[in-house]
Protein backbone atom coordinates (compact mmCIF):
# COMPACT_ATOMS: atom_id res chain seq x y z
CA MET A 1 7.00 -29.12 -16.64
CA GLU A 2 6.07 -25.44 -16.61
CA ARG A 3 8.39 -23.07 -18.41
CA ALA A 4 9.02 -19.35 -18.03
CA ASP A 5 11.63 -16.78 -18.98
CA PHE A 6 12.60 -16.17 -15.36
CA LEU A 7 12.36 -18.54 -12.41
CA ILE A 8 12.67 -16.84 -9.02
CA ILE A 9 13.29 -18.81 -5.83
CA GLY A 10 11.89 -16.92 -2.86
CA GLY A 11 8.72 -14.86 -2.56
CA GLY A 12 9.86 -12.41 0.10
CA MET A 13 10.43 -8.72 -0.59
CA ALA A 14 13.56 -9.27 -2.70
CA GLY A 15 11.95 -11.91 -4.89
CA ALA A 16 8.61 -10.11 -5.16
CA SER A 17 10.10 -6.75 -6.19
CA ALA A 18 12.42 -8.33 -8.75
CA ALA A 19 9.60 -10.49 -10.08
CA TYR A 20 7.38 -7.46 -10.64
CA GLU A 21 10.11 -5.67 -12.56
CA LEU A 22 11.13 -8.74 -14.58
CA ALA A 23 7.50 -9.40 -15.55
CA ALA A 24 7.79 -6.37 -17.83
CA HIS A 25 10.46 -8.28 -19.79
CA GLY A 26 9.05 -11.82 -19.94
CA THR A 27 7.16 -14.57 -18.15
CA VAL A 28 7.96 -15.02 -14.46
CA ILE A 29 7.32 -17.83 -11.98
CA VAL A 30 8.11 -17.32 -8.28
CA LEU A 31 8.63 -20.43 -6.15
CA GLU A 32 8.00 -19.99 -2.41
CA ARG A 33 8.82 -22.77 0.06
CA GLU A 34 6.27 -21.62 2.67
CA SER A 35 2.49 -21.46 2.38
CA GLN A 36 2.74 -17.71 3.02
CA PRO A 37 5.34 -15.56 1.21
CA GLY A 38 7.49 -13.27 3.34
CA TYR A 39 7.11 -15.42 6.45
CA HIS A 40 10.72 -15.47 7.68
CA SER A 41 12.19 -11.99 7.22
CA THR A 42 9.84 -9.67 5.32
CA GLY A 43 7.02 -10.19 7.80
CA ARG A 44 9.25 -9.66 10.86
CA SER A 45 10.79 -6.32 9.96
CA ALA A 46 10.98 -3.22 12.16
CA ALA A 47 9.48 -1.48 9.12
CA LEU A 48 11.45 1.76 8.99
CA TYR A 49 12.65 3.68 5.95
CA THR A 50 15.82 5.58 6.83
CA GLN A 51 18.35 6.99 4.37
CA THR A 52 21.17 7.13 6.93
CA TYR A 53 21.35 3.43 7.82
CA GLY A 54 23.93 0.98 6.50
CA HIS A 55 26.86 0.89 4.09
CA PRO A 56 27.11 3.83 1.62
CA THR A 57 25.90 1.57 -1.19
CA VAL A 58 22.88 0.61 0.89
CA ARG A 59 22.16 4.26 1.62
CA ALA A 60 22.30 5.09 -2.07
CA LEU A 61 19.86 2.27 -2.89
CA THR A 62 17.56 3.55 -0.14
CA VAL A 63 17.61 7.09 -1.51
CA ALA A 64 16.94 5.73 -5.01
CA SER A 65 13.81 3.99 -3.65
CA TRP A 66 12.23 7.19 -2.33
CA ASP A 67 10.33 8.20 -5.49
CA PHE A 68 8.70 4.78 -5.80
CA TYR A 69 7.59 4.72 -2.19
CA THR A 70 6.21 8.24 -2.23
CA ASN A 71 4.63 7.93 -5.70
CA PRO A 72 3.94 4.23 -6.38
CA PRO A 73 2.42 3.01 -9.66
CA ASP A 74 -1.34 3.31 -10.08
CA GLY A 75 -3.13 0.45 -8.36
CA PHE A 76 -0.13 -0.57 -6.29
CA SER A 77 -1.75 0.23 -2.94
CA GLU A 78 -4.89 1.88 -1.62
CA HIS A 79 -2.95 3.46 1.25
CA PRO A 80 0.32 5.43 1.58
CA LEU A 81 3.35 3.16 1.74
CA LEU A 82 5.24 5.55 4.04
CA THR A 83 4.03 7.61 6.99
CA PRO A 84 6.07 10.17 8.98
CA ARG A 85 8.09 8.96 11.97
CA GLY A 86 11.54 10.50 12.21
CA VAL A 87 14.65 8.86 13.65
CA LEU A 88 16.64 10.14 16.62
CA LEU A 89 20.13 8.68 16.84
CA ILE A 90 21.14 9.29 20.45
CA GLY A 91 24.47 9.18 22.26
CA ARG A 92 25.93 9.54 25.72
CA ALA A 93 28.84 11.90 26.38
CA ASP A 94 31.30 9.09 25.64
CA GLN A 95 29.61 8.50 22.25
CA THR A 96 30.04 12.05 20.93
CA ALA A 97 32.64 11.05 18.34
CA ALA A 98 30.27 8.38 16.97
CA LEU A 99 27.47 10.95 16.70
CA GLU A 100 29.72 13.33 14.76
CA ARG A 101 30.77 10.51 12.43
CA ASP A 102 27.18 9.48 11.70
CA PHE A 103 26.07 13.09 11.26
CA THR A 104 28.80 13.68 8.66
CA GLU A 105 28.03 10.43 6.84
CA GLY A 106 24.28 10.99 6.96
CA ARG A 107 24.44 14.41 5.36
CA ARG A 108 26.31 13.11 2.31
CA LEU A 109 23.07 11.89 0.71
CA THR A 110 20.46 13.33 3.08
CA PRO A 111 20.93 17.09 3.63
CA SER A 112 17.90 17.30 5.95
CA VAL A 113 19.82 15.47 8.72
CA GLU A 114 20.42 17.70 11.78
CA ARG A 115 22.78 17.63 14.76
CA LEU A 116 20.92 18.21 18.06
CA ASP A 117 22.10 19.03 21.55
CA ALA A 118 20.73 17.23 24.62
CA ALA A 119 17.82 19.62 25.19
CA GLN A 120 16.70 19.39 21.56
CA ALA A 121 16.91 15.61 21.65
CA LEU A 122 14.87 15.36 24.85
CA ALA A 123 12.23 17.65 23.38
CA ARG A 124 11.68 15.13 20.57
CA ALA A 125 11.89 12.04 22.80
CA PRO A 126 10.70 13.15 26.27
CA PHE A 127 10.77 9.59 27.62
CA LEU A 128 14.59 9.59 27.74
CA ARG A 129 16.63 10.30 30.87
CA THR A 130 18.19 13.75 31.05
CA ASP A 131 21.39 12.29 32.53
CA TYR A 132 21.76 9.76 29.71
CA VAL A 133 21.49 11.76 26.48
CA ALA A 134 24.33 14.14 25.57
CA GLY A 135 23.24 14.77 22.00
CA ALA A 136 21.64 13.28 18.92
CA VAL A 137 21.41 13.17 15.15
CA TRP A 138 17.91 13.84 13.82
CA GLU A 139 16.62 12.44 10.51
CA PRO A 140 13.24 14.14 10.02
CA ASP A 141 12.31 12.35 6.80
CA ALA A 142 12.61 8.79 8.17
CA MET A 143 9.31 6.99 7.71
CA ASP A 144 7.34 4.01 8.92
CA MET A 145 6.77 1.53 6.09
CA ASP A 146 3.60 -0.45 5.51
CA VAL A 147 5.46 -3.69 4.81
CA HIS A 148 2.30 -5.70 4.15
CA ALA A 149 1.02 -3.17 1.63
CA ILE A 150 4.41 -3.02 -0.12
CA HIS A 151 4.81 -6.78 -0.33
CA THR A 152 1.25 -7.52 -1.42
CA GLY A 153 1.42 -4.61 -3.86
CA TYR A 154 4.38 -6.16 -5.61
CA LEU A 155 2.75 -9.58 -5.74
CA ARG A 156 -0.57 -8.17 -6.95
CA ARG A 157 1.10 -6.17 -9.71
CA LEU A 158 3.20 -9.22 -10.63
CA LYS A 159 -0.01 -11.15 -11.20
CA ALA A 160 -1.44 -8.28 -13.25
CA ARG A 161 1.62 -8.55 -15.51
CA GLY A 162 1.01 -12.26 -16.01
CA GLY A 163 3.48 -13.58 -13.42
CA ARG A 164 2.76 -16.45 -11.04
CA LEU A 165 3.50 -17.08 -7.36
CA ILE A 166 3.49 -20.75 -6.36
CA THR A 167 3.54 -21.49 -2.62
CA ASP A 168 4.46 -24.72 -0.83
CA ALA A 169 7.05 -25.12 -3.56
CA GLY A 170 10.34 -25.58 -1.73
CA VAL A 171 13.05 -26.48 -4.21
CA GLN A 172 14.32 -30.02 -3.73
CA ALA A 173 16.64 -30.29 -6.73
CA LEU A 174 18.15 -27.99 -9.35
CA ALA A 175 19.89 -28.86 -12.58
CA ARG A 176 20.95 -27.10 -15.78
CA ARG A 177 19.69 -28.98 -18.84
CA ASP A 178 19.53 -27.87 -22.46
CA GLY A 179 19.99 -24.21 -21.57
CA LEU A 180 17.36 -24.25 -18.83
CA TRP A 181 17.43 -24.33 -15.05
CA VAL A 182 15.04 -27.05 -13.93
CA ALA A 183 13.65 -26.91 -10.39
CA GLU A 184 11.95 -29.90 -8.81
CA THR A 185 9.44 -29.01 -6.07
CA PRO A 186 6.47 -30.63 -4.30
CA ALA A 187 4.29 -28.40 -6.49
CA GLY A 188 5.80 -29.70 -9.74
CA SER A 189 8.72 -29.10 -12.07
CA PHE A 190 9.58 -25.64 -13.40
CA ALA A 191 12.16 -24.43 -15.90
CA ALA A 192 13.63 -21.18 -17.20
CA PRO A 193 16.89 -20.03 -18.78
CA VAL A 194 17.45 -17.56 -15.92
CA LEU A 195 17.24 -18.61 -12.29
CA VAL A 196 17.08 -15.80 -9.69
CA ASN A 197 18.24 -16.94 -6.27
CA ALA A 198 16.25 -14.72 -3.89
CA ALA A 199 15.97 -17.33 -1.16
CA GLY A 200 17.04 -15.07 1.71
CA ALA A 201 18.74 -17.01 4.50
CA TRP A 202 18.58 -20.12 2.31
CA ALA A 203 20.37 -18.57 -0.70
CA ASP A 204 23.60 -20.52 -0.14
CA VAL A 205 21.58 -23.71 0.30
CA VAL A 206 19.91 -23.09 -3.07
CA ALA A 207 23.31 -22.45 -4.65
CA GLU A 208 24.62 -25.77 -3.40
CA LEU A 209 21.59 -27.54 -4.87
CA ALA A 210 22.52 -25.97 -8.19
CA GLY A 211 26.18 -26.98 -7.88
CA VAL A 212 27.20 -23.33 -7.49
CA ARG A 213 29.80 -22.23 -4.97
CA PRO A 214 28.14 -20.48 -1.95
CA LEU A 215 28.93 -16.87 -1.12
CA GLY A 216 29.43 -17.38 2.61
CA LEU A 217 26.06 -15.90 3.43
CA MET A 218 25.51 -15.57 7.18
CA PRO A 219 21.96 -15.52 8.58
CA LYS A 220 21.78 -13.57 11.85
CA ARG A 221 19.04 -13.51 14.45
CA ARG A 222 17.39 -10.18 15.31
CA THR A 223 15.11 -10.10 18.37
CA ALA A 224 12.13 -7.80 18.90
CA LEU A 225 9.34 -7.35 21.43
CA THR A 226 6.42 -5.03 22.11
CA PHE A 227 5.32 -3.69 25.48
CA ASP A 228 3.43 -0.92 27.29
CA PRO A 229 5.82 1.49 29.06
CA VAL A 230 5.16 2.09 32.78
CA PHE A 231 5.93 5.62 34.00
CA ALA A 232 5.87 6.89 37.58
CA ASP A 233 3.37 9.43 36.24
CA PRO A 234 1.06 7.79 33.66
CA ALA A 235 0.55 11.18 32.00
CA ASP A 236 4.14 10.94 30.73
CA SER A 237 3.03 8.39 28.13
CA ALA A 238 0.84 11.00 26.41
CA GLY A 239 1.68 11.38 22.74
CA LEU A 240 3.40 7.99 22.51
CA ASP A 241 2.21 7.36 18.94
CA GLY A 242 4.00 10.51 17.80
CA TRP A 243 7.39 9.69 19.34
CA PRO A 244 10.24 9.11 16.89
CA MET A 245 12.21 5.94 16.53
CA VAL A 246 15.18 6.17 18.92
CA ILE A 247 18.39 4.33 18.11
CA ASP A 248 21.56 4.13 20.19
CA VAL A 249 24.39 5.47 18.03
CA ASP A 250 26.38 2.26 18.55
CA GLU A 251 23.19 0.30 17.73
CA GLN A 252 22.90 -1.34 21.14
CA PHE A 253 19.11 -0.96 21.02
CA TYR A 254 16.29 0.76 19.16
CA VAL A 255 12.74 1.54 20.17
CA LYS A 256 9.75 2.95 18.24
CA PRO A 257 5.98 3.29 18.59
CA ASP A 258 4.03 0.38 17.16
CA ALA A 259 0.22 0.16 17.20
CA GLY A 260 -0.17 1.96 20.54
CA ARG A 261 2.75 0.16 22.18
CA LEU A 262 6.53 0.39 21.90
CA LEU A 263 8.63 -1.99 19.80
CA LEU A 264 12.09 -2.71 21.18
CA SER A 265 15.13 -4.60 19.90
CA PRO A 266 18.65 -5.09 21.29
CA ALA A 267 19.82 -4.90 17.65
CA ASP A 268 21.38 -8.34 18.08
CA GLU A 269 23.16 -10.06 15.20
CA THR A 270 23.67 -13.65 16.35
CA PRO A 271 24.87 -16.04 13.61
CA VAL A 272 22.46 -18.96 13.18
CA GLU A 273 21.61 -21.65 10.70
CA PRO A 274 18.63 -20.80 8.45
CA CYS A 275 15.47 -21.92 10.23
CA ASP A 276 12.13 -20.74 11.61
CA ILE A 277 13.93 -18.60 14.17
CA GLN A 278 12.56 -17.90 17.66
CA PRO A 279 13.68 -15.31 20.26
CA GLU A 280 16.07 -16.16 23.08
CA GLU A 281 15.14 -15.04 26.60
CA LEU A 282 18.64 -13.65 27.20
CA ASP A 283 18.34 -11.31 24.21
CA VAL A 284 14.95 -10.11 25.45
CA ALA A 285 16.41 -9.39 28.90
CA ILE A 286 19.40 -7.56 27.38
CA ALA A 287 17.09 -5.35 25.32
CA ILE A 288 15.03 -4.37 28.35
CA ASP A 289 18.11 -3.68 30.48
CA ARG A 290 19.69 -1.42 27.84
CA LEU A 291 16.50 0.54 27.30
CA GLU A 292 15.75 1.02 30.99
CA GLN A 293 19.19 2.59 31.43
CA ALA A 294 18.22 5.23 28.86
CA ALA A 295 14.48 5.70 29.52
CA ARG A 296 12.37 7.07 32.39
CA PHE A 297 9.93 4.16 32.25
CA THR A 298 10.12 0.47 33.14
CA VAL A 299 9.11 -2.64 31.20
CA ARG A 300 6.94 -4.86 33.39
CA ARG A 301 5.08 -7.00 30.88
CA ILE A 302 5.92 -8.11 27.36
CA ALA A 303 2.95 -8.12 24.97
CA HIS A 304 4.66 -10.04 22.16
CA LYS A 305 8.16 -11.21 21.24
CA TRP A 306 9.66 -12.67 18.09
CA ALA A 307 12.85 -12.98 16.06
CA GLY A 308 13.70 -12.62 12.40
CA LEU A 309 16.55 -13.54 10.09
CA ARG A 310 18.82 -10.89 8.55
CA SER A 311 21.29 -12.37 6.05
CA PHE A 312 24.63 -10.74 5.27
CA VAL A 313 27.67 -11.40 3.14
CA ALA A 314 31.10 -10.34 4.38
CA ASP A 315 30.91 -6.65 3.38
CA LYS A 316 27.23 -6.23 4.33
CA VAL A 317 26.35 -5.00 0.83
CA PRO A 318 23.53 -6.78 -1.08
CA VAL A 319 24.43 -9.10 -3.92
CA ALA A 320 22.81 -8.76 -7.34
CA GLY A 321 24.35 -10.28 -10.46
CA PHE A 322 25.06 -13.39 -12.48
CA ASP A 323 27.39 -15.87 -10.84
CA GLY A 324 29.85 -16.10 -13.71
CA THR A 325 30.57 -19.77 -13.09
CA ALA A 326 27.09 -21.07 -13.92
CA ASP A 327 25.12 -19.91 -16.95
CA GLY A 328 21.88 -18.15 -16.06
CA PHE A 329 22.36 -18.33 -12.27
CA PHE A 330 21.57 -14.89 -10.83
CA TRP A 331 22.19 -13.97 -7.19
CA LEU A 332 19.79 -11.65 -5.35
CA ALA A 333 20.79 -12.09 -1.73
CA GLY A 334 22.40 -10.60 1.35
CA GLN A 335 19.89 -7.79 1.90
CA GLY A 336 20.57 -7.86 5.64
CA GLY A 337 18.26 -5.48 7.45
CA TYR A 338 17.93 -3.21 4.43
CA GLY A 339 15.85 -5.34 2.06
CA ILE A 340 12.56 -3.52 2.45
CA GLN A 341 13.79 0.06 2.40
CA THR A 342 15.87 -0.68 -0.74
CA ALA A 343 13.34 -2.94 -2.49
CA PRO A 344 12.28 -0.59 -5.32
CA ALA A 345 15.85 0.22 -6.33
CA MET A 346 17.04 -3.37 -5.86
CA GLY A 347 14.08 -4.74 -7.83
CA ARG A 348 14.81 -2.43 -10.76
CA THR A 349 18.53 -3.11 -10.51
CA ALA A 350 18.07 -6.88 -10.48
CA ALA A 351 15.75 -6.74 -13.48
CA ALA A 352 18.17 -4.56 -15.42
CA LEU A 353 21.18 -6.78 -14.73
CA ALA A 354 19.28 -10.05 -15.26
CA THR A 355 18.20 -8.89 -18.71
CA GLY A 356 21.69 -7.79 -19.72
CA GLY A 357 21.14 -4.08 -19.18
CA SER A 358 22.93 -1.36 -17.24
CA LEU A 359 22.09 -0.09 -13.78
CA PRO A 360 19.00 2.15 -13.60
CA ALA A 361 19.98 5.79 -14.14
CA GLU A 362 18.73 6.89 -10.72
CA VAL A 363 20.87 4.21 -9.03
CA ALA A 364 24.01 4.90 -11.07
CA ALA A 365 23.63 8.64 -10.45
CA LEU A 366 24.14 8.01 -6.73
CA GLY A 367 27.49 6.34 -7.32
CA VAL A 368 26.46 2.66 -7.29
CA ARG A 369 28.31 0.45 -9.78
CA ALA A 370 27.37 -3.03 -10.99
CA GLU A 371 30.64 -4.37 -9.61
CA ASP A 372 29.69 -3.09 -6.14
CA LEU A 373 26.82 -5.60 -6.15
CA ALA A 374 28.34 -8.41 -8.21
CA PRO A 375 28.96 -11.79 -6.52
CA SER A 376 32.45 -11.86 -8.02
CA ARG A 377 33.60 -9.18 -5.52
CA LEU A 378 33.25 -11.78 -2.74
CA ARG A 379 35.54 -14.26 -4.51
CA GLY A 380 38.42 -11.97 -5.26
CA ALA A 381 37.61 -12.01 -8.97
């Protein structure tokens, strides 16, 4: 049996970022059920950093992650983790109230957010129909994220700090014995006094293995596809790589440049059981229909399509904290679609709480409290 100070289940972005931070406090072993970490959610992300997306707590965690992403530790990555993109939140005339709401909320933590009229919006996203867009909210500092570089950077720096990632190590049994959590896996037995449940869509499954009450985590399918837009005048596709990400204000679809093509999603959130999720043809068709109502181009051929899992608890705020009913059982789950943009702040927060400390100063300064993230909030305790 191999022993460590911290045993982390799940090698995706949540587990990797927490593991890196915890490795500064003790020995860390990360157990990953797949042969490749980040396979289910991390590797299927739309890869956008935006400070105006999600619950206010999520937005604060995103803002608190900015300094890490723009100035990562030495040796973390050979390339920038963020590159300029910009987000245009668009609305029809009947969505004006929603635009005003999101503009007001966005400016609370991100003063650079602007309110645009229709002409200004169309100047930034010339592929949109003039009779569709009535206005927009512009977030100039939204960025594309290099998810692969971020994830591998965390795992590489974890190794440099003496931590270990073990793949093909799906947990088959968990038990608390003599002050240690013992995990049985096909790769061997592992033990530590603190168990971090960062298993993504499988976090409730892991809890049940440990005899811990689940949180009611709900995995939801999110569909995406890439394609080449077809304009009546091919010259209209000029400058595609520089277009912003465009999101319907009611999140009925979003579209952004991706490696010379466009990436599209209907922003679906279909509850599913945790699995190796695949896209549904109906969701693909819905995405195309919604976009073609707003855009001047058509979608004739799909280059690639896929689906990912986004896992939420009831209030859509991530969970980070000890369970309270099981010694040493630490939840790090429910990141939803925000896990990558909040990873630096969540990694530091998880490490601080799992070692008995207080929230990082930069997180607390933005109004986040430990009880906002604690699993007890979901049980009425």
